[in-house]
Protein backbone atom coordinates (compact mmCIF):
# COMPACT_ATOMS: atom_id res chain seq x y z
CA MET A 1 3.88 -45.32 32.09
CA ILE A 2 3.32 -48.69 30.57
CA ARG A 3 -0.34 -47.88 30.47
CA GLN A 4 0.12 -44.77 28.68
CA ALA A 5 2.69 -46.47 26.02
CA ARG A 6 -0.13 -49.22 25.65
CA ARG A 7 -3.10 -46.68 25.08
CA ARG A 8 -0.52 -44.62 22.73
CA PHE A 9 1.11 -47.26 20.78
CA GLY A 10 -0.68 -50.49 21.23
CA PRO A 11 0.33 -53.70 23.48
CA GLU A 12 3.22 -54.96 21.73
CA VAL A 13 5.16 -51.76 22.29
CA ALA A 14 4.04 -51.27 25.67
CA GLU A 15 5.31 -54.92 26.26
CA GLN A 16 8.74 -54.11 24.95
CA SER A 17 8.87 -51.07 27.15
CA GLN A 18 8.34 -52.87 30.52
CA PRO A 19 11.48 -54.34 30.82
CA LEU A 20 13.50 -51.14 29.67
CA LEU A 21 11.57 -49.04 32.17
CA ALA A 22 12.00 -51.37 34.96
CA GLY A 23 15.78 -50.76 34.83
CA ILE A 24 15.45 -46.85 35.12
CA SER A 25 14.71 -45.47 38.83
CA ASP A 26 15.94 -41.85 38.37
CA PRO A 27 12.74 -39.63 38.69
CA ASP A 28 14.32 -37.02 36.36
CA GLN A 29 15.04 -39.39 33.70
CA LEU A 30 11.48 -40.99 34.22
CA GLU A 31 9.97 -37.37 33.91
CA GLU A 32 12.01 -36.98 30.19
CA LEU A 33 10.91 -40.20 29.39
CA ALA A 34 7.37 -39.36 29.86
CA ASP A 35 7.61 -36.25 27.65
CA GLN A 36 9.32 -38.45 25.33
CA LEU A 37 6.28 -40.56 25.19
CA LEU A 38 3.92 -37.72 24.58
CA LEU A 39 6.20 -36.49 21.71
CA SER A 40 7.18 -39.63 19.88
CA PRO A 41 5.39 -39.76 16.67
CA ASP A 42 5.32 -43.76 16.49
CA GLY A 43 6.22 -46.65 18.81
CA ASP A 44 9.46 -47.22 17.15
CA THR A 45 10.81 -44.01 18.07
CA TRP A 46 9.65 -44.11 21.44
CA LEU A 47 11.23 -47.52 21.75
CA THR A 48 14.56 -46.07 20.39
CA GLN A 49 14.37 -43.32 22.74
CA LEU A 50 13.80 -45.75 25.55
CA LYS A 51 16.74 -48.04 24.61
CA ARG A 52 19.22 -44.87 24.59
CA ALA A 53 18.00 -43.94 28.12
CA SER A 54 18.38 -47.64 29.62
């Protein structure tokens, strides 16, 4: 999912996402976050969603 975050929002957002995603192991939660990655209009929104999940 880091690669997708990088392609969508750039390397800075991907770098910030990596440690947050590393702490999540539940497949259902990761699937929901993948949807959020696609729906988020910008990197800040994505990171906010990710922080709420971790």
